[in-house]
Amino acid sequence: MSENKAIQSQDDVFPDPFYTLENGKIQAGKLAVIILGDHTGTKGLDHIKFHETGMDSGEHYVYDIGSEDVVKALTDYIGGAGVYTWSICNNYSRLLIETNRSEAQCITTHAEGVPIPSNVDITDEEKQRRIDAIYKPYDAAVQAQIKKVLDAGGIPVVVALHSFTKRFANLDRPEEIGVMNFGDKRMSKAMWLVSHSLGYRVEMDKPYDGRFVVDAALRRATEELLLPNVFLEVRNDLIDTPEKADLIAAFLSGRIIDAARDPSVHAPISSVTPTYTEFSADYFGRYFEAACRGERLEYGCCKCDPGPLLLPEKK
């Protein structure tokens, strides 16, 4: 069974920034899976006066629908298969603070074009308070767990689990599971190879191109030590009930274990392929603009070996 550990914050306005789940025991020389639920939470909406926007608190711009249920089920399934598993779930909405961006970009001022009242003119002091109470403790917990696994002789593989919408603006997104990477393709390639022909529509570098996401939590957690990792996106209409989330988790758990046990995933690398940092700052802005036209922003990526970078003109 998974163990739920709530983490207390010293900030009384933002208590309990996240909780963790653990299943199994770290063993020297054995695989250990660490799962990040960056967008699982919905807390903090009152603090940013979200009610003044007239928007729906149950939509994707608030949190990744279904992702928390998938993270929980993955922890049970993977741990139940004898592979040590540790997971972390963020309790706060991405609109309060975006732990999947850099500190410089961690405050979202607009959601689908609608201004977020307390974020548009946020003070430096308020921003830093959220960073200190939620963002930094989240990163620190992940790094501490990686160190714990390594100190015990375990072999860590880190997985980020997110969800996405079937339709974004005017863009239909038929893919059901996206397998992404930030330059280290070892785990994403193995994951795609063991999953793409087994019932779900699994695609590489969809719905986004990870080469332009410079400061994702997964990247911050793995890049320095060059740890194998994969960023998974699941279409949220497939996981919007606990029962549906369980089905996806049952499928993904076996694929994660199979991929993580591939020797090529643990082959040493000396560095991560550089991302296109000069274009990363406005990548999602361009993606949204293209989606409003019913177009998918393409940067020349294809399956396991991305092609040359093709930057469309910004319209």
C-alpha atoms as a PDB file:
ATOM      1  CA  MET A   1       0.000   0.000   0.000  1.00  0.00           C
ATOM      2  CA  SER A   2       1.071   3.556  -0.655  1.00  0.00           C
ATOM      3  CA  GLU A   3       1.947   5.764   2.269  1.00  0.00           C
ATOM      4  CA  ASN A   4       0.602   9.333   2.233  1.00  0.00           C
ATOM      5  CA  LYS A   5       2.864  11.916   3.834  1.00  0.00           C
ATOM      6  CA  ALA A   6       1.594  15.497   3.995  1.00  0.00           C
ATOM      7  CA  ILE A   7       4.367  18.091   4.109  1.00  0.00           C
ATOM      8  CA  GLN A   8       3.886  21.070   6.396  1.00  0.00           C
ATOM      9  CA  SER A   9       4.892  24.578   5.372  1.00  0.00           C
ATOM     10  CA  GLN A  10       6.055  27.270   7.769  1.00  0.00           C
ATOM     11  CA  ASP A  11       3.881  29.748   5.882  1.00  0.00           C
ATOM     12  CA  ASP A  12       0.412  29.846   7.465  1.00  0.00           C
ATOM     13  CA  VAL A  13      -1.177  31.211   4.258  1.00  0.00           C
ATOM     14  CA  PHE A  14       0.197  28.365   2.121  1.00  0.00           C
ATOM     15  CA  PRO A  15       0.332  25.299   4.374  1.00  0.00           C
ATOM     16  CA  ASP A  16       0.805  21.777   3.044  1.00  0.00           C
ATOM     17  CA  PRO A  17       2.393  22.627  -0.335  1.00  0.00           C
ATOM     18  CA  PHE A  18       2.401  18.990  -1.437  1.00  0.00           C
ATOM     19  CA  TYR A  19       2.121  15.423  -0.267  1.00  0.00           C
ATOM     20  CA  THR A  20       4.146  12.331  -1.121  1.00  0.00           C
ATOM     21  CA  LEU A  21       3.364   8.672  -1.714  1.00  0.00           C
ATOM     22  CA  GLU A  22       5.752   5.772  -1.235  1.00  0.00           C
ATOM     23  CA  ASN A  23       5.385   2.117  -2.137  1.00  0.00           C
ATOM     24  CA  GLY A  24       8.090  -0.431  -1.447  1.00  0.00           C
ATOM     25  CA  LYS A  25      11.657  -0.261  -0.221  1.00  0.00           C
ATOM     26  CA  ILE A  26      14.731   1.111  -1.970  1.00  0.00           C
ATOM     27  CA  GLN A  27      17.095  -1.721  -2.858  1.00  0.00           C
ATOM     28  CA  ALA A  28      20.707  -1.411  -3.954  1.00  0.00           C
ATOM     29  CA  GLY A  29      21.151  -2.189  -7.631  1.00  0.00           C
ATOM     30  CA  LYS A  30      17.409  -2.140  -8.272  1.00  0.00           C
ATOM     31  CA  LEU A  31      15.177   0.231 -10.181  1.00  0.00           C
ATOM     32  CA  ALA A  32      13.454   3.087  -8.328  1.00  0.00           C
ATOM     33  CA  VAL A  33      10.739   5.163 -10.010  1.00  0.00           C
ATOM     34  CA  ILE A  34      10.137   8.761  -8.925  1.00  0.00           C
ATOM     35  CA  ILE A  35       6.918  10.376 -10.210  1.00  0.00           C
ATOM     36  CA  LEU A  36       6.215  14.119 -10.314  1.00  0.00           C
ATOM     37  CA  GLY A  37       2.644  15.412 -10.176  1.00  0.00           C
ATOM     38  CA  ASP A  38       3.393  19.077 -10.852  1.00  0.00           C
ATOM     39  CA  HIS A  39      -0.175  20.153 -11.705  1.00  0.00           C
ATOM     40  CA  THR A  40      -2.342  17.991  -9.468  1.00  0.00           C
ATOM     41  CA  GLY A  41      -3.581  20.689  -7.062  1.00  0.00           C
ATOM     42  CA  THR A  42      -6.386  23.231  -6.961  1.00  0.00           C
ATOM     43  CA  LYS A  43      -5.722  25.093  -3.717  1.00  0.00           C
ATOM     44  CA  GLY A  44      -5.015  28.834  -3.579  1.00  0.00           C
ATOM     45  CA  LEU A  45      -7.745  30.099  -5.935  1.00  0.00           C
ATOM     46  CA  ASP A  46      -9.290  32.355  -3.298  1.00  0.00           C
ATOM     47  CA  HIS A  47      -5.899  33.936  -2.682  1.00  0.00           C
ATOM     48  CA  ILE A  48      -5.657  35.062  -6.317  1.00  0.00           C
ATOM     49  CA  LYS A  49      -9.346  36.153  -6.435  1.00  0.00           C
ATOM     50  CA  PHE A  50     -10.055  33.640  -9.145  1.00  0.00           C
ATOM     51  CA  HIS A  51     -13.803  33.997  -8.569  1.00  0.00           C
ATOM     52  CA  GLU A  52     -13.619  37.509 -10.044  1.00  0.00           C
ATOM     53  CA  THR A  53     -12.647  36.092 -13.451  1.00  0.00           C
ATOM     54  CA  GLY A  54     -15.963  34.273 -13.961  1.00  0.00           C
ATOM     55  CA  MET A  55     -13.986  31.254 -15.165  1.00  0.00           C
ATOM     56  CA  ASP A  56     -14.604  27.609 -14.259  1.00  0.00           C
ATOM     57  CA  SER A  57     -12.389  26.273 -11.470  1.00  0.00           C
ATOM     58  CA  GLY A  58     -12.710  22.755 -12.857  1.00  0.00           C
ATOM     59  CA  GLU A  59     -10.948  23.474 -16.125  1.00  0.00           C
ATOM     60  CA  HIS A  60      -7.465  22.620 -17.367  1.00  0.00           C
ATOM     61  CA  TYR A  61      -6.046  26.095 -16.824  1.00  0.00           C
ATOM     62  CA  VAL A  62      -6.474  25.540 -13.063  1.00  0.00           C
ATOM     63  CA  TYR A  63      -4.974  22.039 -12.812  1.00  0.00           C
ATOM     64  CA  ASP A  64      -4.262  18.910 -14.850  1.00  0.00           C
ATOM     65  CA  ILE A  65      -7.559  17.043 -14.731  1.00  0.00           C
ATOM     66  CA  GLY A  66      -7.153  13.406 -13.715  1.00  0.00           C
ATOM     67  CA  SER A  67      -3.411  13.604 -13.158  1.00  0.00           C
ATOM     68  CA  GLU A  68      -3.604  13.144  -9.397  1.00  0.00           C
ATOM     69  CA  ASP A  69      -5.623   9.927  -9.755  1.00  0.00           C
ATOM     70  CA  VAL A  70      -3.129   8.610 -12.315  1.00  0.00           C
ATOM     71  CA  VAL A  71      -0.134   9.424 -10.092  1.00  0.00           C
ATOM     72  CA  LYS A  72      -1.745   7.624  -7.151  1.00  0.00           C
ATOM     73  CA  ALA A  73      -2.628   4.583  -9.245  1.00  0.00           C
ATOM     74  CA  LEU A  74       0.839   4.461 -10.837  1.00  0.00           C
ATOM     75  CA  THR A  75       2.369   4.440  -7.372  1.00  0.00           C
ATOM     76  CA  ASP A  76       0.243   1.459  -6.439  1.00  0.00           C
ATOM     77  CA  TYR A  77       0.751  -0.450  -9.690  1.00  0.00           C
ATOM     78  CA  ILE A  78       4.492   0.079 -10.075  1.00  0.00           C
ATOM     79  CA  GLY A  79       5.172  -0.462  -6.380  1.00  0.00           C
ATOM     80  CA  GLY A  80       2.899  -3.499  -6.438  1.00  0.00           C
ATOM     81  CA  ALA A  81       5.049  -4.960  -9.211  1.00  0.00           C
ATOM     82  CA  GLY A  82       8.033  -4.917  -6.851  1.00  0.00           C
ATOM     83  CA  VAL A  83       9.622  -1.685  -8.093  1.00  0.00           C
ATOM     84  CA  TYR A  84      10.177   0.959  -5.422  1.00  0.00           C
ATOM     85  CA  THR A  85       8.035   3.992  -6.212  1.00  0.00           C
ATOM     86  CA  TRP A  86       7.906   7.471  -4.698  1.00  0.00           C
ATOM     87  CA  SER A  87       5.545  10.171  -5.921  1.00  0.00           C
ATOM     88  CA  ILE A  88       4.890  13.818  -5.153  1.00  0.00           C
ATOM     89  CA  CYS A  89       1.634  15.710  -5.755  1.00  0.00           C
ATOM     90  CA  ASN A  90       1.429  19.495  -5.688  1.00  0.00           C
ATOM     91  CA  ASN A  91      -1.544  20.723  -3.642  1.00  0.00           C
ATOM     92  CA  TYR A  92      -1.692  24.210  -5.194  1.00  0.00           C
ATOM     93  CA  SER A  93      -3.083  25.375  -8.504  1.00  0.00           C
ATOM     94  CA  ARG A  94      -0.696  26.284 -11.276  1.00  0.00           C
ATOM     95  CA  LEU A  95      -2.440  29.690 -11.286  1.00  0.00           C
ATOM     96  CA  LEU A  96      -1.157  30.412  -7.784  1.00  0.00           C
ATOM     97  CA  ILE A  97       2.356  29.327  -8.693  1.00  0.00           C
ATOM     98  CA  GLU A  98       3.633  27.384 -11.680  1.00  0.00           C
ATOM     99  CA  THR A  99       6.192  24.868 -10.419  1.00  0.00           C
ATOM    100  CA  ASN A 100       6.729  23.642 -13.982  1.00  0.00           C
ATOM    101  CA  ARG A 101       8.389  26.884 -15.099  1.00  0.00           C
ATOM    102  CA  SER A 102      11.415  28.855 -14.017  1.00  0.00           C
ATOM    103  CA  GLU A 103      11.193  31.124 -10.988  1.00  0.00           C
ATOM    104  CA  ALA A 104      11.159  34.071 -13.383  1.00  0.00           C
ATOM    105  CA  GLN A 105       8.070  32.665 -15.155  1.00  0.00           C
ATOM    106  CA  CYS A 106       6.295  31.000 -12.237  1.00  0.00           C
ATOM    107  CA  ILE A 107       3.421  33.502 -11.982  1.00  0.00           C
ATOM    108  CA  THR A 108       0.742  33.189 -14.656  1.00  0.00           C
ATOM    109  CA  THR A 109      -0.821  36.583 -15.304  1.00  0.00           C
ATOM    110  CA  HIS A 110      -3.477  35.414 -17.795  1.00  0.00           C
ATOM    111  CA  ALA A 111      -5.431  32.202 -18.320  1.00  0.00           C
ATOM    112  CA  GLU A 112      -6.583  31.807 -21.928  1.00  0.00           C
ATOM    113  CA  GLY A 113      -6.409  35.558 -22.323  1.00  0.00           C
ATOM    114  CA  VAL A 114      -8.273  36.376 -19.089  1.00  0.00           C
ATOM    115  CA  PRO A 115      -6.247  38.341 -16.493  1.00  0.00           C
ATOM    116  CA  ILE A 116      -5.815  36.743 -13.076  1.00  0.00           C
ATOM    117  CA  PRO A 117      -6.578  39.566 -10.592  1.00  0.00           C
ATOM    118  CA  SER A 118      -3.903  39.000  -7.962  1.00  0.00           C
ATOM    119  CA  ASN A 119      -1.233  37.970 -10.447  1.00  0.00           C
ATOM    120  CA  VAL A 120      -1.301  40.786 -12.996  1.00  0.00           C
ATOM    121  CA  ASP A 121       0.288  43.321 -10.654  1.00  0.00           C
ATOM    122  CA  ILE A 122       1.891  40.943  -8.157  1.00  0.00           C
ATOM    123  CA  THR A 123       4.547  42.497  -5.938  1.00  0.00           C
ATOM    124  CA  ASP A 124       8.053  41.089  -5.720  1.00  0.00           C
ATOM    125  CA  GLU A 125       7.416  40.296  -2.056  1.00  0.00           C
ATOM    126  CA  GLU A 126       4.250  38.295  -2.785  1.00  0.00           C
ATOM    127  CA  LYS A 127       5.907  36.403  -5.617  1.00  0.00           C
ATOM    128  CA  GLN A 128       8.862  35.509  -3.416  1.00  0.00           C
ATOM    129  CA  ARG A 129       6.512  34.380  -0.660  1.00  0.00           C
ATOM    130  CA  ARG A 130       4.871  31.860  -2.983  1.00  0.00           C
ATOM    131  CA  ILE A 131       8.260  30.698  -4.249  1.00  0.00           C
ATOM    132  CA  ASP A 132       9.565  30.176  -0.717  1.00  0.00           C
ATOM    133  CA  ALA A 133       6.402  28.454   0.533  1.00  0.00           C
ATOM    134  CA  ILE A 134       5.655  26.152  -2.414  1.00  0.00           C
ATOM    135  CA  TYR A 135       8.092  26.217  -5.326  1.00  0.00           C
ATOM    136  CA  LYS A 136      11.373  25.749  -3.458  1.00  0.00           C
ATOM    137  CA  PRO A 137      10.075  23.113  -1.001  1.00  0.00           C
ATOM    138  CA  TYR A 138       8.677  21.124  -3.938  1.00  0.00           C
ATOM    139  CA  ASP A 139      12.035  21.111  -5.732  1.00  0.00           C
ATOM    140  CA  ALA A 140      13.885  20.385  -2.497  1.00  0.00           C
ATOM    141  CA  ALA A 141      11.684  17.373  -1.736  1.00  0.00           C
ATOM    142  CA  VAL A 142      12.321  15.894  -5.179  1.00  0.00           C
ATOM    143  CA  GLN A 143      16.068  16.439  -4.935  1.00  0.00           C
ATOM    144  CA  ALA A 144      16.150  14.960  -1.428  1.00  0.00           C
ATOM    145  CA  GLN A 145      14.359  11.839  -2.633  1.00  0.00           C
ATOM    146  CA  ILE A 146      16.717  11.411  -5.575  1.00  0.00           C
ATOM    147  CA  LYS A 147      19.653  11.686  -3.177  1.00  0.00           C
ATOM    148  CA  LYS A 148      18.027   9.139  -0.853  1.00  0.00           C
ATOM    149  CA  VAL A 149      17.666   6.653  -3.700  1.00  0.00           C
ATOM    150  CA  LEU A 150      21.236   7.182  -4.911  1.00  0.00           C
ATOM    151  CA  ASP A 151      22.692   6.968  -1.399  1.00  0.00           C
ATOM    152  CA  ALA A 152      20.939   3.613  -0.950  1.00  0.00           C
ATOM    153  CA  GLY A 153      22.341   2.343  -4.234  1.00  0.00           C
ATOM    154  CA  GLY A 154      19.050   2.457  -6.110  1.00  0.00           C
ATOM    155  CA  ILE A 155      18.780   3.210  -9.822  1.00  0.00           C
ATOM    156  CA  PRO A 156      16.410   6.175 -10.263  1.00  0.00           C
ATOM    157  CA  VAL A 157      14.204   6.913 -13.246  1.00  0.00           C
ATOM    158  CA  VAL A 158      12.120  10.093 -13.000  1.00  0.00           C
ATOM    159  CA  VAL A 159       8.678  10.451 -14.605  1.00  0.00           C
ATOM    160  CA  ALA A 160       6.530  13.589 -14.849  1.00  0.00           C
ATOM    161  CA  LEU A 161       2.796  12.969 -15.300  1.00  0.00           C
ATOM    162  CA  HIS A 162       0.617  15.701 -16.796  1.00  0.00           C
ATOM    163  CA  SER A 163      -2.655  15.866 -18.725  1.00  0.00           C
ATOM    164  CA  PHE A 164      -3.812  17.903 -21.723  1.00  0.00           C
ATOM    165  CA  THR A 165      -7.067  18.791 -23.430  1.00  0.00           C
ATOM    166  CA  LYS A 166      -8.452  17.094 -26.536  1.00  0.00           C
ATOM    167  CA  ARG A 167      -9.123  20.525 -28.024  1.00  0.00           C
ATOM    168  CA  PHE A 168      -7.058  23.621 -27.326  1.00  0.00           C
ATOM    169  CA  ALA A 169      -8.465  26.876 -28.705  1.00  0.00           C
ATOM    170  CA  ASN A 170      -9.318  25.841 -32.293  1.00  0.00           C
ATOM    171  CA  LEU A 171      -6.855  22.960 -32.458  1.00  0.00           C
ATOM    172  CA  ASP A 172      -7.948  19.317 -32.245  1.00  0.00           C
ATOM    173  CA  ARG A 173      -5.336  17.074 -30.628  1.00  0.00           C
ATOM    174  CA  PRO A 174      -6.077  13.430 -31.473  1.00  0.00           C
ATOM    175  CA  GLU A 175      -3.052  11.957 -29.702  1.00  0.00           C
ATOM    176  CA  GLU A 176      -4.000  10.176 -26.475  1.00  0.00           C
ATOM    177  CA  ILE A 177      -0.638   9.868 -24.741  1.00  0.00           C
ATOM    178  CA  GLY A 178       2.341  12.109 -25.414  1.00  0.00           C
ATOM    179  CA  VAL A 179       5.925  11.049 -24.702  1.00  0.00           C
ATOM    180  CA  MET A 180       8.269  14.008 -24.379  1.00  0.00           C
ATOM    181  CA  ASN A 181      11.881  14.735 -23.474  1.00  0.00           C
ATOM    182  CA  PHE A 182      14.089  17.752 -22.903  1.00  0.00           C
ATOM    183  CA  GLY A 183      17.077  16.554 -24.911  1.00  0.00           C
ATOM    184  CA  ASP A 184      17.815  13.257 -23.119  1.00  0.00           C
ATOM    185  CA  LYS A 185      15.913  10.787 -25.322  1.00  0.00           C
ATOM    186  CA  ARG A 186      16.912   7.555 -23.556  1.00  0.00           C
ATOM    187  CA  MET A 187      13.754   6.940 -21.545  1.00  0.00           C
ATOM    188  CA  SER A 188      11.320   8.646 -23.923  1.00  0.00           C
ATOM    189  CA  LYS A 189      12.531   6.576 -26.873  1.00  0.00           C
ATOM    190  CA  ALA A 190      12.263   3.342 -24.884  1.00  0.00           C
ATOM    191  CA  MET A 191       8.828   4.347 -23.597  1.00  0.00           C
ATOM    192  CA  TRP A 192       7.545   5.053 -27.095  1.00  0.00           C
ATOM    193  CA  LEU A 193       8.929   1.806 -28.471  1.00  0.00           C
ATOM    194  CA  VAL A 194       7.150  -0.340 -25.861  1.00  0.00           C
ATOM    195  CA  SER A 195       3.837   1.503 -25.968  1.00  0.00           C
ATOM    196  CA  HIS A 196       3.011   3.068 -29.336  1.00  0.00           C
ATOM    197  CA  SER A 197       1.375  -0.005 -30.911  1.00  0.00           C
ATOM    198  CA  LEU A 198      -0.564  -1.355 -27.942  1.00  0.00           C
ATOM    199  CA  GLY A 199      -4.020   0.190 -28.181  1.00  0.00           C
ATOM    200  CA  TYR A 200      -3.589   3.871 -27.343  1.00  0.00           C
ATOM    201  CA  ARG A 201      -2.459   6.555 -29.762  1.00  0.00           C
ATOM    202  CA  VAL A 202       0.987   7.275 -28.305  1.00  0.00           C
ATOM    203  CA  GLU A 203       3.083   9.930 -30.006  1.00  0.00           C
ATOM    204  CA  MET A 204       6.521  11.429 -29.487  1.00  0.00           C
ATOM    205  CA  ASP A 205       6.936  15.151 -28.851  1.00  0.00           C
ATOM    206  CA  LYS A 206       3.187  15.694 -28.585  1.00  0.00           C
ATOM    207  CA  PRO A 207       1.260  17.668 -27.582  1.00  0.00           C
ATOM    208  CA  TYR A 208       4.310  19.903 -26.978  1.00  0.00           C
ATOM    209  CA  ASP A 209       7.963  19.927 -27.957  1.00  0.00           C
ATOM    210  CA  GLY A 210      10.019  19.515 -24.802  1.00  0.00           C
ATOM    211  CA  ARG A 211      13.101  21.017 -26.424  1.00  0.00           C
ATOM    212  CA  PHE A 212      11.578  24.438 -25.822  1.00  0.00           C
ATOM    213  CA  VAL A 213      10.554  23.871 -22.195  1.00  0.00           C
ATOM    214  CA  VAL A 214      13.732  24.921 -20.464  1.00  0.00           C
ATOM    215  CA  ASP A 215      12.817  25.016 -16.784  1.00  0.00           C
ATOM    216  CA  ALA A 216      10.280  22.235 -16.233  1.00  0.00           C
ATOM    217  CA  ALA A 217      10.387  20.611 -12.798  1.00  0.00           C
ATOM    218  CA  LEU A 218      11.451  17.315 -14.398  1.00  0.00           C
ATOM    219  CA  ARG A 219      14.378  18.960 -16.103  1.00  0.00           C
ATOM    220  CA  ARG A 220      15.487  20.754 -12.946  1.00  0.00           C
ATOM    221  CA  ALA A 221      15.368  17.432 -11.101  1.00  0.00           C
ATOM    222  CA  THR A 222      17.366  15.361 -13.570  1.00  0.00           C
ATOM    223  CA  GLU A 223      19.682  17.432 -15.750  1.00  0.00           C
ATOM    224  CA  GLU A 224      22.607  17.973 -13.383  1.00  0.00           C
ATOM    225  CA  LEU A 225      23.003  14.245 -12.646  1.00  0.00           C
ATOM    226  CA  LEU A 226      21.892  13.180 -16.145  1.00  0.00           C
ATOM    227  CA  LEU A 227      19.241  10.864 -14.729  1.00  0.00           C
ATOM    228  CA  PRO A 228      16.957   8.960 -17.129  1.00  0.00           C
ATOM    229  CA  ASN A 229      13.586  10.676 -17.348  1.00  0.00           C
ATOM    230  CA  VAL A 230      10.404  10.992 -19.358  1.00  0.00           C
ATOM    231  CA  PHE A 231       7.612  13.563 -19.488  1.00  0.00           C
ATOM    232  CA  LEU A 232       4.201  11.947 -20.047  1.00  0.00           C
ATOM    233  CA  GLU A 233       1.085  13.825 -21.138  1.00  0.00           C
ATOM    234  CA  VAL A 234      -2.287  12.005 -21.044  1.00  0.00           C
ATOM    235  CA  ARG A 235      -5.377  13.420 -22.734  1.00  0.00           C
ATOM    236  CA  ASN A 236      -7.687  14.393 -19.901  1.00  0.00           C
ATOM    237  CA  ASP A 237     -10.922  12.996 -21.347  1.00  0.00           C
ATOM    238  CA  LEU A 238      -9.320   9.571 -20.860  1.00  0.00           C
ATOM    239  CA  ILE A 239      -8.679  10.104 -17.135  1.00  0.00           C
ATOM    240  CA  ASP A 240     -11.496  12.385 -15.937  1.00  0.00           C
ATOM    241  CA  THR A 241     -12.919   9.748 -13.572  1.00  0.00           C
ATOM    242  CA  PRO A 242     -11.006   7.571 -11.087  1.00  0.00           C
ATOM    243  CA  GLU A 243     -12.032   4.462 -13.027  1.00  0.00           C
ATOM    244  CA  LYS A 244     -10.682   5.791 -16.323  1.00  0.00           C
ATOM    245  CA  ALA A 245      -7.519   7.044 -14.633  1.00  0.00           C
ATOM    246  CA  ASP A 246      -6.964   3.566 -13.216  1.00  0.00           C
ATOM    247  CA  LEU A 247      -7.167   2.016 -16.690  1.00  0.00           C
ATOM    248  CA  ILE A 248      -4.560   4.400 -18.068  1.00  0.00           C
ATOM    249  CA  ALA A 249      -2.328   3.866 -15.025  1.00  0.00           C
ATOM    250  CA  ALA A 250      -2.550   0.095 -15.464  1.00  0.00           C
ATOM    251  CA  PHE A 251      -1.376   0.512 -19.054  1.00  0.00           C
ATOM    252  CA  LEU A 252       1.355   3.057 -18.311  1.00  0.00           C
ATOM    253  CA  SER A 253       2.767   1.258 -15.281  1.00  0.00           C
ATOM    254  CA  GLY A 254       3.804  -1.781 -17.285  1.00  0.00           C
ATOM    255  CA  ARG A 255       5.237   0.370 -20.049  1.00  0.00           C
ATOM    256  CA  ILE A 256       7.222   2.486 -17.567  1.00  0.00           C
ATOM    257  CA  ILE A 257       8.703  -0.618 -15.961  1.00  0.00           C
ATOM    258  CA  ASP A 258       9.525  -2.212 -19.330  1.00  0.00           C
ATOM    259  CA  ALA A 259      11.144   0.948 -20.637  1.00  0.00           C
ATOM    260  CA  ALA A 260      13.071   1.641 -17.439  1.00  0.00           C
ATOM    261  CA  ARG A 261      14.531  -1.877 -17.521  1.00  0.00           C
ATOM    262  CA  ASP A 262      15.908  -1.367 -21.033  1.00  0.00           C
ATOM    263  CA  PRO A 263      19.732  -1.257 -20.661  1.00  0.00           C
ATOM    264  CA  SER A 264      19.936   1.575 -23.205  1.00  0.00           C
ATOM    265  CA  VAL A 265      18.032   3.831 -20.813  1.00  0.00           C
ATOM    266  CA  HIS A 266      20.916   3.624 -18.349  1.00  0.00           C
ATOM    267  CA  ALA A 267      23.718   3.975 -20.879  1.00  0.00           C
ATOM    268  CA  PRO A 268      25.995   6.822 -19.722  1.00  0.00           C
ATOM    269  CA  ILE A 269      25.699  10.168 -21.469  1.00  0.00           C
ATOM    270  CA  SER A 270      28.034  13.105 -21.085  1.00  0.00           C
ATOM    271  CA  SER A 271      25.482  15.851 -21.595  1.00  0.00           C
ATOM    272  CA  VAL A 272      21.904  16.587 -22.587  1.00  0.00           C
ATOM    273  CA  THR A 273      21.224  17.815 -26.103  1.00  0.00           C
ATOM    274  CA  PRO A 274      20.834  21.598 -25.815  1.00  0.00           C
ATOM    275  CA  THR A 275      17.334  22.968 -26.048  1.00  0.00           C
ATOM    276  CA  TYR A 276      16.453  26.039 -28.035  1.00  0.00           C
ATOM    277  CA  THR A 277      16.569  28.442 -25.135  1.00  0.00           C
ATOM    278  CA  GLU A 278      16.418  31.521 -27.347  1.00  0.00           C
ATOM    279  CA  PHE A 279      12.887  30.557 -28.408  1.00  0.00           C
ATOM    280  CA  SER A 280      11.628  28.976 -25.200  1.00  0.00           C
ATOM    281  CA  ALA A 281      10.305  32.156 -23.586  1.00  0.00           C
ATOM    282  CA  ASP A 282       7.534  32.607 -26.138  1.00  0.00           C
ATOM    283  CA  TYR A 283       7.047  28.964 -27.182  1.00  0.00           C
ATOM    284  CA  PHE A 284       3.687  28.592 -25.452  1.00  0.00           C
ATOM    285  CA  GLY A 285       2.591  32.001 -26.688  1.00  0.00           C
ATOM    286  CA  ARG A 286       3.296  30.921 -30.249  1.00  0.00           C
ATOM    287  CA  TYR A 287       1.635  27.579 -29.597  1.00  0.00           C
ATOM    288  CA  PHE A 288      -1.533  29.359 -28.419  1.00  0.00           C
ATOM    289  CA  GLU A 289      -1.514  31.727 -31.395  1.00  0.00           C
ATOM    290  CA  ALA A 290      -1.196  28.797 -33.796  1.00  0.00           C
ATOM    291  CA  ALA A 291      -3.933  26.868 -31.961  1.00  0.00           C
ATOM    292  CA  CYS A 292      -6.294  29.826 -32.301  1.00  0.00           C
ATOM    293  CA  ARG A 293      -5.800  29.480 -36.065  1.00  0.00           C
ATOM    294  CA  GLY A 294      -6.494  25.758 -35.798  1.00  0.00           C
ATOM    295  CA  GLU A 295      -2.851  24.962 -36.523  1.00  0.00           C
ATOM    296  CA  ARG A 296      -0.283  22.960 -34.599  1.00  0.00           C
ATOM    297  CA  LEU A 297       3.031  24.674 -33.998  1.00  0.00           C
ATOM    298  CA  GLU A 298       5.660  22.409 -35.533  1.00  0.00           C
ATOM    299  CA  TYR A 299       9.372  22.808 -34.970  1.00  0.00           C
ATOM    300  CA  GLY A 300      10.662  20.008 -37.140  1.00  0.00           C
ATOM    301  CA  CYS A 301      10.408  17.248 -34.509  1.00  0.00           C
ATOM    302  CA  CYS A 302       9.574  13.697 -35.533  1.00  0.00           C
ATOM    303  CA  LYS A 303       9.325  10.553 -33.428  1.00  0.00           C
ATOM    304  CA  CYS A 304      12.528   9.525 -31.626  1.00  0.00           C
ATOM    305  CA  ASP A 305      15.002  11.595 -33.622  1.00  0.00           C
ATOM    306  CA  PRO A 306      13.906  15.217 -34.007  1.00  0.00           C
ATOM    307  CA  GLY A 307      14.785  16.746 -37.334  1.00  0.00           C
ATOM    308  CA  PRO A 308      16.158  20.205 -38.048  1.00  0.00           C
ATOM    309  CA  LEU A 309      14.649  23.111 -36.215  1.00  0.00           C
ATOM    310  CA  LEU A 310      12.061  24.872 -38.348  1.00  0.00           C
ATOM    311  CA  LEU A 311      10.927  28.124 -36.820  1.00  0.00           C
ATOM    312  CA  PRO A 312       7.732  29.507 -38.338  1.00  0.00           C
ATOM    313  CA  GLU A 313       7.352  33.231 -38.611  1.00  0.00           C
ATOM    314  CA  LYS A 314       5.429  34.737 -35.741  1.00  0.00           C
ATOM    315  CA  LYS A 315       2.195  36.193 -37.123  1.00  0.00           C
END
